[in-house]
Amino acid sequence: MVLFTIALALLLSGCGAPTAKAPPTTTFVSKRYGYSIALPGHSARWYNRPALANWTSGSIGGIDSPGFDTFTDLKLSRNYLLAAVPGRWSLSRWTDFAMSARSEICGLPRSLPSSTLDGARARVFTWSCTDGYRIIGATALHAGRGYFMLVISPIADSRSADLDAFQATRRSFRFRHV
């Protein structure tokens, strides 16, 4: 009787029941900068423009800059910019450089709690711009390169939704061999 009760409890607790499917994601791989990320939804949801040249400029510019891998969420009008620069950086110096490269129409960056990017220590920051966009960014160092990832959203969007999108992308980020 005890075994029957245990078996019934296991059956009723969901063992053997179909599991919910994870939402679909699309994985993008950057051969130029040596990383991959998974973004929500099917590939038709995304406009992807790989970097046409290595980023060497001192400014981030806009989403049309040829030095960035750019991903645009066509459903939410959210943009993701990613790039890497070779060099001997400390994480603090690289973060200061990446934050100073923001457009002149953007306010001063504010640091958020430190984090990781595929296990590497990362600095996280945010700023807002007068053109109506909020940026959440991360910097990290890996294999002699300084990496950065920016998530750019309309200020009208929920801050918590922006942070959730940033965190999901940060968690999906993987360094790859170049």
N, C-alpha and C. Protein backbone atom coordinates (compact mmCIF):
# COMPACT_ATOMS: atom_id res chain seq x y z
N MET A 1 0.82 -1.19 0.00
CA MET A 1 0.00 0.00 0.00
C MET A 1 0.87 1.26 0.00
N VAL A 2 1.97 1.25 0.75
CA VAL A 2 2.86 2.41 0.82
C VAL A 2 3.47 2.68 -0.56
N LEU A 3 3.90 1.62 -1.29
CA LEU A 3 4.47 1.80 -2.62
C LEU A 3 3.42 2.36 -3.58
N PHE A 4 2.19 1.90 -3.47
CA PHE A 4 1.12 2.41 -4.32
C PHE A 4 0.89 3.90 -4.06
N THR A 5 0.91 4.32 -2.80
CA THR A 5 0.71 5.72 -2.43
C THR A 5 1.85 6.59 -2.97
N ILE A 6 3.09 6.10 -2.88
CA ILE A 6 4.24 6.85 -3.40
C ILE A 6 4.15 6.98 -4.91
N ALA A 7 3.81 5.87 -5.59
CA ALA A 7 3.69 5.91 -7.05
C ALA A 7 2.59 6.86 -7.48
N LEU A 8 1.46 6.85 -6.79
CA LEU A 8 0.36 7.75 -7.12
C LEU A 8 0.78 9.20 -6.88
N ALA A 9 1.50 9.47 -5.80
CA ALA A 9 1.96 10.84 -5.51
C ALA A 9 2.91 11.32 -6.60
N LEU A 10 3.83 10.45 -7.05
CA LEU A 10 4.75 10.83 -8.12
C LEU A 10 4.00 11.11 -9.41
N LEU A 11 3.03 10.29 -9.73
CA LEU A 11 2.25 10.48 -10.95
C LEU A 11 1.48 11.79 -10.90
N LEU A 12 0.88 12.09 -9.78
CA LEU A 12 0.10 13.31 -9.65
C LEU A 12 0.97 14.56 -9.58
N SER A 13 2.24 14.41 -9.18
CA SER A 13 3.14 15.57 -9.07
C SER A 13 3.70 16.00 -10.41
N GLY A 14 3.36 15.29 -11.46
CA GLY A 14 3.79 15.74 -12.79
C GLY A 14 4.82 14.85 -13.42
N CYS A 15 5.28 13.83 -12.77
CA CYS A 15 6.23 12.92 -13.40
C CYS A 15 5.55 12.27 -14.59
N GLY A 16 6.18 12.31 -15.70
CA GLY A 16 5.61 11.72 -16.89
C GLY A 16 4.68 12.66 -17.64
N ALA A 17 4.34 13.78 -17.04
CA ALA A 17 3.49 14.75 -17.73
C ALA A 17 4.32 15.51 -18.74
N PRO A 18 3.72 15.93 -19.84
CA PRO A 18 4.50 16.69 -20.83
C PRO A 18 5.02 18.00 -20.22
N THR A 19 6.24 18.35 -20.59
CA THR A 19 6.82 19.58 -20.08
C THR A 19 6.55 20.72 -21.05
N ALA A 20 6.49 21.92 -20.52
CA ALA A 20 6.26 23.10 -21.36
C ALA A 20 7.49 23.35 -22.22
N LYS A 21 7.26 23.74 -23.46
CA LYS A 21 8.38 24.04 -24.35
C LYS A 21 8.95 25.41 -24.00
N ALA A 22 10.26 25.49 -24.09
CA ALA A 22 10.92 26.78 -23.89
C ALA A 22 10.59 27.68 -25.08
N PRO A 23 10.48 28.99 -24.84
CA PRO A 23 10.22 29.88 -25.96
C PRO A 23 11.35 29.79 -26.99
N PRO A 24 11.05 29.96 -28.26
CA PRO A 24 12.10 29.85 -29.28
C PRO A 24 13.11 30.99 -29.16
N THR A 25 14.33 30.68 -29.53
CA THR A 25 15.38 31.69 -29.59
C THR A 25 16.13 31.53 -30.91
N THR A 26 16.83 32.57 -31.29
CA THR A 26 17.67 32.55 -32.48
C THR A 26 19.09 32.86 -32.04
N THR A 27 20.02 32.00 -32.42
CA THR A 27 21.42 32.20 -32.04
C THR A 27 22.16 32.87 -33.20
N PHE A 28 22.90 33.92 -32.85
CA PHE A 28 23.74 34.63 -33.81
C PHE A 28 25.19 34.44 -33.41
N VAL A 29 26.07 34.25 -34.38
CA VAL A 29 27.49 34.04 -34.13
C VAL A 29 28.26 35.15 -34.84
N SER A 30 29.16 35.79 -34.11
CA SER A 30 30.02 36.82 -34.69
C SER A 30 31.40 36.21 -34.93
N LYS A 31 31.74 36.02 -36.18
CA LYS A 31 33.07 35.52 -36.52
C LYS A 31 34.11 36.61 -36.31
N ARG A 32 33.73 37.85 -36.58
CA ARG A 32 34.67 38.97 -36.44
C ARG A 32 35.09 39.16 -34.98
N TYR A 33 34.11 39.14 -34.07
CA TYR A 33 34.40 39.47 -32.67
C TYR A 33 34.45 38.26 -31.75
N GLY A 34 34.12 37.08 -32.24
CA GLY A 34 34.30 35.86 -31.46
C GLY A 34 33.33 35.69 -30.30
N TYR A 35 32.03 35.74 -30.59
CA TYR A 35 31.03 35.48 -29.55
C TYR A 35 29.78 34.94 -30.22
N SER A 36 28.88 34.42 -29.41
CA SER A 36 27.53 34.09 -29.87
C SER A 36 26.55 34.58 -28.82
N ILE A 37 25.34 34.89 -29.27
CA ILE A 37 24.25 35.26 -28.36
C ILE A 37 22.97 34.61 -28.88
N ALA A 38 22.06 34.37 -27.95
CA ALA A 38 20.73 33.86 -28.30
C ALA A 38 19.73 34.96 -27.98
N LEU A 39 18.92 35.31 -28.97
CA LEU A 39 17.92 36.35 -28.80
C LEU A 39 16.53 35.73 -28.91
N PRO A 40 15.54 36.31 -28.25
CA PRO A 40 14.21 35.68 -28.20
C PRO A 40 13.51 35.69 -29.55
N GLY A 41 12.75 34.64 -29.80
CA GLY A 41 11.93 34.58 -31.01
C GLY A 41 12.66 33.97 -32.19
N HIS A 42 11.92 33.87 -33.28
CA HIS A 42 12.46 33.32 -34.53
C HIS A 42 13.30 34.37 -35.24
N SER A 43 14.14 33.93 -36.16
CA SER A 43 15.05 34.84 -36.86
C SER A 43 14.31 35.93 -37.64
N ALA A 44 13.07 35.68 -38.05
CA ALA A 44 12.30 36.70 -38.78
C ALA A 44 12.00 37.92 -37.91
N ARG A 45 12.10 37.76 -36.61
CA ARG A 45 11.86 38.87 -35.68
C ARG A 45 13.04 39.84 -35.66
N TRP A 46 14.18 39.43 -36.20
CA TRP A 46 15.42 40.17 -36.04
C TRP A 46 15.98 40.67 -37.37
N TYR A 47 16.44 41.92 -37.35
CA TYR A 47 17.28 42.44 -38.42
C TYR A 47 18.69 42.37 -37.87
N ASN A 48 19.58 41.66 -38.58
CA ASN A 48 20.95 41.47 -38.12
C ASN A 48 21.89 42.04 -39.16
N ARG A 49 22.75 42.96 -38.72
CA ARG A 49 23.78 43.48 -39.60
C ARG A 49 25.13 43.28 -38.93
N PRO A 50 25.90 42.29 -39.43
CA PRO A 50 27.23 42.09 -38.85
C PRO A 50 28.14 43.29 -39.12
N ALA A 51 29.11 43.49 -38.26
CA ALA A 51 30.09 44.56 -38.45
C ALA A 51 30.78 44.40 -39.79
N LEU A 52 30.97 45.50 -40.48
CA LEU A 52 31.64 45.49 -41.78
C LEU A 52 33.14 45.71 -41.64
N ALA A 53 33.56 46.22 -40.49
CA ALA A 53 34.97 46.49 -40.21
C ALA A 53 35.17 46.41 -38.71
N ASN A 54 36.41 46.27 -38.29
CA ASN A 54 36.68 46.28 -36.85
C ASN A 54 36.41 47.66 -36.28
N TRP A 55 35.87 47.69 -35.07
CA TRP A 55 35.61 48.96 -34.41
C TRP A 55 36.93 49.51 -33.90
N THR A 56 37.29 50.69 -34.38
CA THR A 56 38.53 51.32 -33.94
C THR A 56 38.30 52.75 -33.49
N SER A 57 37.12 53.26 -33.70
CA SER A 57 36.81 54.65 -33.41
C SER A 57 36.72 54.87 -31.90
N GLY A 58 36.87 56.12 -31.52
CA GLY A 58 36.72 56.46 -30.12
C GLY A 58 35.28 56.73 -29.73
N SER A 59 34.34 56.65 -30.67
CA SER A 59 32.95 56.90 -30.30
C SER A 59 32.06 55.76 -30.74
N ILE A 60 30.97 55.61 -30.03
CA ILE A 60 30.02 54.55 -30.33
C ILE A 60 29.16 54.94 -31.52
N GLY A 61 28.84 56.21 -31.64
CA GLY A 61 28.02 56.64 -32.77
C GLY A 61 26.62 56.10 -32.66
N GLY A 62 26.09 55.55 -33.74
CA GLY A 62 24.73 55.05 -33.73
C GLY A 62 24.65 53.62 -34.19
N ILE A 63 23.43 53.14 -34.35
CA ILE A 63 23.24 51.74 -34.72
C ILE A 63 23.69 51.45 -36.15
N ASP A 64 23.95 52.49 -36.93
CA ASP A 64 24.40 52.29 -38.30
C ASP A 64 25.92 52.23 -38.43
N SER A 65 26.63 52.32 -37.32
CA SER A 65 28.08 52.31 -37.36
C SER A 65 28.59 50.98 -37.92
N PRO A 66 29.52 51.00 -38.88
CA PRO A 66 29.98 49.77 -39.50
C PRO A 66 30.85 48.90 -38.60
N GLY A 67 31.28 49.40 -37.45
CA GLY A 67 32.14 48.63 -36.56
C GLY A 67 31.40 47.77 -35.56
N PHE A 68 30.07 47.76 -35.60
CA PHE A 68 29.29 47.02 -34.61
C PHE A 68 28.48 45.92 -35.24
N ASP A 69 28.38 44.80 -34.56
CA ASP A 69 27.35 43.83 -34.87
C ASP A 69 26.07 44.43 -34.32
N THR A 70 25.06 44.57 -35.16
CA THR A 70 23.81 45.22 -34.77
C THR A 70 22.65 44.25 -34.94
N PHE A 71 21.84 44.16 -33.91
CA PHE A 71 20.65 43.32 -33.93
C PHE A 71 19.47 44.20 -33.54
N THR A 72 18.46 44.25 -34.39
CA THR A 72 17.28 45.06 -34.12
C THR A 72 16.08 44.15 -33.97
N ASP A 73 15.42 44.26 -32.83
CA ASP A 73 14.20 43.52 -32.55
C ASP A 73 13.07 44.24 -33.27
N LEU A 74 12.59 43.68 -34.37
CA LEU A 74 11.56 44.32 -35.18
C LEU A 74 10.22 44.39 -34.47
N LYS A 75 10.04 43.56 -33.46
CA LYS A 75 8.79 43.54 -32.70
C LYS A 75 8.76 44.65 -31.64
N LEU A 76 9.90 44.92 -31.03
CA LEU A 76 9.95 45.84 -29.88
C LEU A 76 10.77 47.10 -30.13
N SER A 77 11.40 47.23 -31.28
CA SER A 77 12.26 48.39 -31.58
C SER A 77 13.41 48.53 -30.59
N ARG A 78 13.91 47.41 -30.12
CA ARG A 78 15.06 47.40 -29.22
C ARG A 78 16.27 47.02 -30.06
N ASN A 79 17.42 47.67 -29.83
CA ASN A 79 18.65 47.41 -30.57
C ASN A 79 19.73 46.88 -29.65
N TYR A 80 20.55 46.02 -30.21
CA TYR A 80 21.68 45.44 -29.49
C TYR A 80 22.93 45.73 -30.32
N LEU A 81 23.94 46.34 -29.71
CA LEU A 81 25.21 46.60 -30.38
C LEU A 81 26.30 45.85 -29.63
N LEU A 82 27.14 45.15 -30.37
CA LEU A 82 28.24 44.42 -29.75
C LEU A 82 29.50 44.61 -30.57
N ALA A 83 30.63 44.69 -29.87
CA ALA A 83 31.93 44.81 -30.55
C ALA A 83 33.02 44.42 -29.56
N ALA A 84 34.23 44.33 -30.06
CA ALA A 84 35.40 44.03 -29.23
C ALA A 84 36.60 44.74 -29.83
N VAL A 85 37.54 45.08 -28.96
CA VAL A 85 38.75 45.78 -29.39
C VAL A 85 39.94 45.08 -28.74
N PRO A 86 40.96 44.72 -29.53
CA PRO A 86 42.14 44.12 -28.92
C PRO A 86 42.92 45.17 -28.12
N GLY A 87 43.59 44.72 -27.09
CA GLY A 87 44.42 45.64 -26.32
C GLY A 87 44.66 45.15 -24.92
N ARG A 88 45.57 45.82 -24.28
CA ARG A 88 45.88 45.51 -22.88
C ARG A 88 45.10 46.47 -22.01
N TRP A 89 44.01 46.00 -21.49
CA TRP A 89 43.12 46.83 -20.69
C TRP A 89 42.98 46.22 -19.30
N SER A 90 42.73 47.06 -18.34
CA SER A 90 42.15 46.58 -17.08
C SER A 90 40.65 46.71 -17.29
N LEU A 91 39.86 45.97 -16.56
CA LEU A 91 38.41 46.06 -16.73
C LEU A 91 37.92 47.47 -16.42
N SER A 92 38.49 48.08 -15.43
CA SER A 92 38.10 49.45 -15.08
C SER A 92 38.42 50.43 -16.20
N ARG A 93 39.62 50.33 -16.76
CA ARG A 93 40.02 51.23 -17.85
C ARG A 93 39.17 51.00 -19.11
N TRP A 94 38.91 49.73 -19.42
CA TRP A 94 38.10 49.42 -20.59
C TRP A 94 36.67 49.95 -20.41
N THR A 95 36.12 49.77 -19.23
CA THR A 95 34.76 50.27 -18.96
C THR A 95 34.72 51.78 -19.07
N ASP A 96 35.71 52.47 -18.50
CA ASP A 96 35.77 53.93 -18.62
C ASP A 96 35.83 54.36 -20.08
N PHE A 97 36.64 53.66 -20.89
CA PHE A 97 36.74 53.98 -22.30
C PHE A 97 35.40 53.77 -23.00
N ALA A 98 34.78 52.61 -22.78
CA ALA A 98 33.50 52.30 -23.45
C ALA A 98 32.42 53.31 -23.06
N MET A 99 32.38 53.69 -21.78
CA MET A 99 31.37 54.66 -21.34
C MET A 99 31.66 56.05 -21.89
N SER A 100 32.92 56.40 -22.06
CA SER A 100 33.26 57.72 -22.58
C SER A 100 32.99 57.83 -24.08
N ALA A 101 32.81 56.71 -24.75
CA ALA A 101 32.57 56.70 -26.19
C ALA A 101 31.11 56.98 -26.54
N ARG A 102 30.28 57.22 -25.54
CA ARG A 102 28.85 57.48 -25.82
C ARG A 102 28.69 58.80 -26.55
N SER A 103 27.57 58.94 -27.20
CA SER A 103 27.24 60.15 -27.95
C SER A 103 27.14 61.36 -27.03
N GLU A 104 27.41 62.54 -27.59
CA GLU A 104 27.32 63.78 -26.80
C GLU A 104 25.89 64.11 -26.39
N ILE A 105 24.89 63.46 -26.99
CA ILE A 105 23.50 63.71 -26.60
C ILE A 105 23.06 62.84 -25.42
N CYS A 106 24.00 62.05 -24.90
CA CYS A 106 23.68 61.14 -23.80
C CYS A 106 24.24 61.66 -22.49
N GLY A 107 23.49 61.43 -21.43
CA GLY A 107 23.89 61.86 -20.10
C GLY A 107 25.02 61.01 -19.54
N LEU A 108 25.43 61.37 -18.34
CA LEU A 108 26.50 60.63 -17.68
C LEU A 108 26.06 59.22 -17.35
N PRO A 109 26.95 58.25 -17.52
CA PRO A 109 26.61 56.87 -17.18
C PRO A 109 26.49 56.68 -15.68
N ARG A 110 25.67 55.74 -15.32
CA ARG A 110 25.51 55.34 -13.92
C ARG A 110 25.87 53.87 -13.82
N SER A 111 26.74 53.54 -12.89
CA SER A 111 27.15 52.14 -12.71
C SER A 111 26.04 51.35 -12.04
N LEU A 112 25.90 50.11 -12.49
CA LEU A 112 24.98 49.16 -11.89
C LEU A 112 25.82 48.07 -11.23
N PRO A 113 25.23 47.14 -10.50
CA PRO A 113 26.04 46.10 -9.87
C PRO A 113 26.87 45.33 -10.89
N SER A 114 28.07 44.96 -10.48
CA SER A 114 28.94 44.17 -11.36
C SER A 114 28.30 42.83 -11.65
N SER A 115 28.76 42.19 -12.71
CA SER A 115 28.14 40.96 -13.17
C SER A 115 29.20 40.10 -13.84
N THR A 116 28.76 39.20 -14.71
CA THR A 116 29.67 38.39 -15.50
C THR A 116 29.15 38.31 -16.93
N LEU A 117 30.05 38.01 -17.84
CA LEU A 117 29.73 37.75 -19.23
C LEU A 117 30.43 36.44 -19.58
N ASP A 118 29.67 35.37 -19.70
CA ASP A 118 30.21 34.02 -19.93
C ASP A 118 31.31 33.68 -18.93
N GLY A 119 31.10 34.01 -17.68
CA GLY A 119 32.04 33.69 -16.61
C GLY A 119 33.11 34.74 -16.37
N ALA A 120 33.31 35.64 -17.30
CA ALA A 120 34.31 36.72 -17.13
C ALA A 120 33.68 37.85 -16.32
N ARG A 121 34.47 38.44 -15.43
CA ARG A 121 33.97 39.60 -14.68
C ARG A 121 33.51 40.67 -15.66
N ALA A 122 32.38 41.30 -15.33
CA ALA A 122 31.84 42.33 -16.22
C ALA A 122 31.37 43.52 -15.39
N ARG A 123 31.44 44.67 -15.99
CA ARG A 123 30.89 45.90 -15.41
C ARG A 123 29.61 46.23 -16.16
N VAL A 124 28.60 46.66 -15.44
CA VAL A 124 27.31 46.99 -16.04
C VAL A 124 27.01 48.45 -15.75
N PHE A 125 26.42 49.14 -16.71
CA PHE A 125 26.15 50.57 -16.58
C PHE A 125 24.92 50.93 -17.40
N THR A 126 24.42 52.13 -17.18
CA THR A 126 23.27 52.62 -17.94
C THR A 126 23.40 54.11 -18.14
N TRP A 127 22.76 54.63 -19.18
CA TRP A 127 22.63 56.07 -19.38
C TRP A 127 21.42 56.31 -20.27
N SER A 128 20.95 57.54 -20.29
CA SER A 128 19.83 57.94 -21.14
C SER A 128 20.28 59.05 -22.08
N CYS A 129 19.60 59.15 -23.21
CA CYS A 129 19.97 60.15 -24.22
C CYS A 129 18.76 61.03 -24.54
N THR A 130 19.06 62.24 -24.98
CA THR A 130 17.99 63.20 -25.26
C THR A 130 17.17 62.83 -26.48
N ASP A 131 17.61 61.84 -27.27
CA ASP A 131 16.81 61.40 -28.42
C ASP A 131 15.74 60.38 -28.02
N GLY A 132 15.60 60.14 -26.70
CA GLY A 132 14.53 59.27 -26.21
C GLY A 132 14.91 57.82 -26.03
N TYR A 133 16.21 57.53 -25.90
CA TYR A 133 16.64 56.15 -25.73
C TYR A 133 17.39 55.95 -24.42
N ARG A 134 17.25 54.74 -23.88
CA ARG A 134 17.96 54.31 -22.68
C ARG A 134 18.92 53.20 -23.10
N ILE A 135 20.12 53.21 -22.56
CA ILE A 135 21.13 52.20 -22.88
C ILE A 135 21.51 51.47 -21.60
N ILE A 136 21.55 50.16 -21.68
CA ILE A 136 22.11 49.33 -20.61
C ILE A 136 23.27 48.60 -21.26
N GLY A 137 24.45 48.69 -20.64
CA GLY A 137 25.63 48.10 -21.25
C GLY A 137 26.44 47.27 -20.30
N ALA A 138 27.32 46.47 -20.89
CA ALA A 138 28.25 45.66 -20.11
C ALA A 138 29.59 45.64 -20.83
N THR A 139 30.65 45.61 -20.06
CA THR A 139 32.00 45.45 -20.59
C THR A 139 32.64 44.25 -19.91
N ALA A 140 33.50 43.57 -20.64
CA ALA A 140 34.24 42.43 -20.09
C ALA A 140 35.52 42.26 -20.88
N LEU A 141 36.47 41.53 -20.32
CA LEU A 141 37.73 41.23 -20.98
C LEU A 141 37.82 39.74 -21.21
N HIS A 142 38.33 39.36 -22.41
CA HIS A 142 38.51 37.94 -22.70
C HIS A 142 39.52 37.79 -23.83
N ALA A 143 40.50 36.93 -23.62
CA ALA A 143 41.48 36.56 -24.66
C ALA A 143 42.10 37.78 -25.33
N GLY A 144 42.52 38.76 -24.53
CA GLY A 144 43.21 39.93 -25.06
C GLY A 144 42.31 40.93 -25.77
N ARG A 145 41.01 40.87 -25.53
CA ARG A 145 40.07 41.81 -26.14
C ARG A 145 39.17 42.39 -25.07
N GLY A 146 38.78 43.65 -25.31
CA GLY A 146 37.76 44.29 -24.50
C GLY A 146 36.44 44.18 -25.25
N TYR A 147 35.45 43.55 -24.63
CA TYR A 147 34.13 43.37 -25.24
C TYR A 147 33.15 44.35 -24.63
N PHE A 148 32.19 44.76 -25.44
CA PHE A 148 31.07 45.48 -24.87
C PHE A 148 29.79 45.10 -25.58
N MET A 149 28.71 45.19 -24.82
CA MET A 149 27.38 44.89 -25.32
C MET A 149 26.46 46.00 -24.83
N LEU A 150 25.71 46.59 -25.75
CA LEU A 150 24.75 47.64 -25.40
C LEU A 150 23.36 47.20 -25.83
N VAL A 151 22.40 47.41 -24.96
CA VAL A 151 20.99 47.19 -25.27
C VAL A 151 20.34 48.56 -25.25
N ILE A 152 19.78 48.97 -26.39
CA ILE A 152 19.25 50.32 -26.57
C ILE A 152 17.74 50.23 -26.77
N SER A 153 17.00 50.89 -25.89
CA SER A 153 15.54 50.82 -25.92
C SER A 153 14.93 52.20 -25.82
N PRO A 154 13.73 52.39 -26.40
CA PRO A 154 13.03 53.66 -26.19
C PRO A 154 12.76 53.88 -24.70
N ILE A 155 12.94 55.11 -24.23
CA ILE A 155 12.73 55.41 -22.81
C ILE A 155 11.29 55.11 -22.40
N ALA A 156 10.36 55.16 -23.35
CA ALA A 156 8.96 54.87 -23.04
C ALA A 156 8.76 53.40 -22.63
N ASP A 157 9.69 52.53 -23.00
CA ASP A 157 9.59 51.12 -22.60
C ASP A 157 9.82 50.99 -21.10
N SER A 158 9.31 49.93 -20.55
CA SER A 158 9.48 49.66 -19.12
C SER A 158 10.96 49.40 -18.81
N ARG A 159 11.46 50.06 -17.77
CA ARG A 159 12.85 49.85 -17.35
C ARG A 159 13.08 48.39 -16.96
N SER A 160 12.10 47.79 -16.30
CA SER A 160 12.27 46.39 -15.88
C SER A 160 12.29 45.46 -17.11
N ALA A 161 11.49 45.75 -18.14
CA ALA A 161 11.52 44.94 -19.36
C ALA A 161 12.87 45.09 -20.06
N ASP A 162 13.42 46.30 -20.06
CA ASP A 162 14.75 46.52 -20.65
C ASP A 162 15.81 45.73 -19.90
N LEU A 163 15.74 45.78 -18.57
CA LEU A 163 16.71 45.06 -17.75
C LEU A 163 16.57 43.55 -17.96
N ASP A 164 15.33 43.06 -18.06
CA ASP A 164 15.11 41.64 -18.33
C ASP A 164 15.72 41.24 -19.67
N ALA A 165 15.52 42.07 -20.71
CA ALA A 165 16.08 41.79 -22.03
C ALA A 165 17.61 41.78 -21.97
N PHE A 166 18.17 42.75 -21.27
CA PHE A 166 19.62 42.82 -21.11
C PHE A 166 20.15 41.57 -20.41
N GLN A 167 19.51 41.21 -19.29
CA GLN A 167 19.97 40.05 -18.51
C GLN A 167 19.87 38.76 -19.31
N ALA A 168 18.79 38.59 -20.07
CA ALA A 168 18.65 37.38 -20.88
C ALA A 168 19.75 37.30 -21.93
N THR A 169 20.06 38.41 -22.56
CA THR A 169 21.12 38.43 -23.56
C THR A 169 22.48 38.21 -22.92
N ARG A 170 22.70 38.85 -21.78
CA ARG A 170 23.97 38.67 -21.06
C ARG A 170 24.16 37.20 -20.69
N ARG A 171 23.11 36.55 -20.21
CA ARG A 171 23.22 35.14 -19.82
C ARG A 171 23.46 34.23 -21.03
N SER A 172 22.97 34.62 -22.21
CA SER A 172 23.14 33.77 -23.40
C SER A 172 24.49 33.99 -24.09
N PHE A 173 25.20 35.05 -23.75
CA PHE A 173 26.45 35.42 -24.41
C PHE A 173 27.50 34.34 -24.15
N ARG A 174 28.21 33.93 -25.22
CA ARG A 174 29.30 32.96 -25.11
C ARG A 174 30.49 33.44 -25.93
N PHE A 175 31.68 33.43 -25.32
CA PHE A 175 32.91 33.70 -26.06
C PHE A 175 33.19 32.50 -26.94
N ARG A 176 33.70 32.77 -28.14
CA ARG A 176 34.07 31.72 -29.08
C ARG A 176 35.51 31.96 -29.53
N HIS A 177 36.14 30.94 -30.03
CA HIS A 177 37.50 31.11 -30.54
C HIS A 177 37.46 31.83 -31.87
N VAL A 178 38.37 32.79 -32.05
CA VAL A 178 38.44 33.53 -33.32
C VAL A 178 39.70 33.15 -34.06
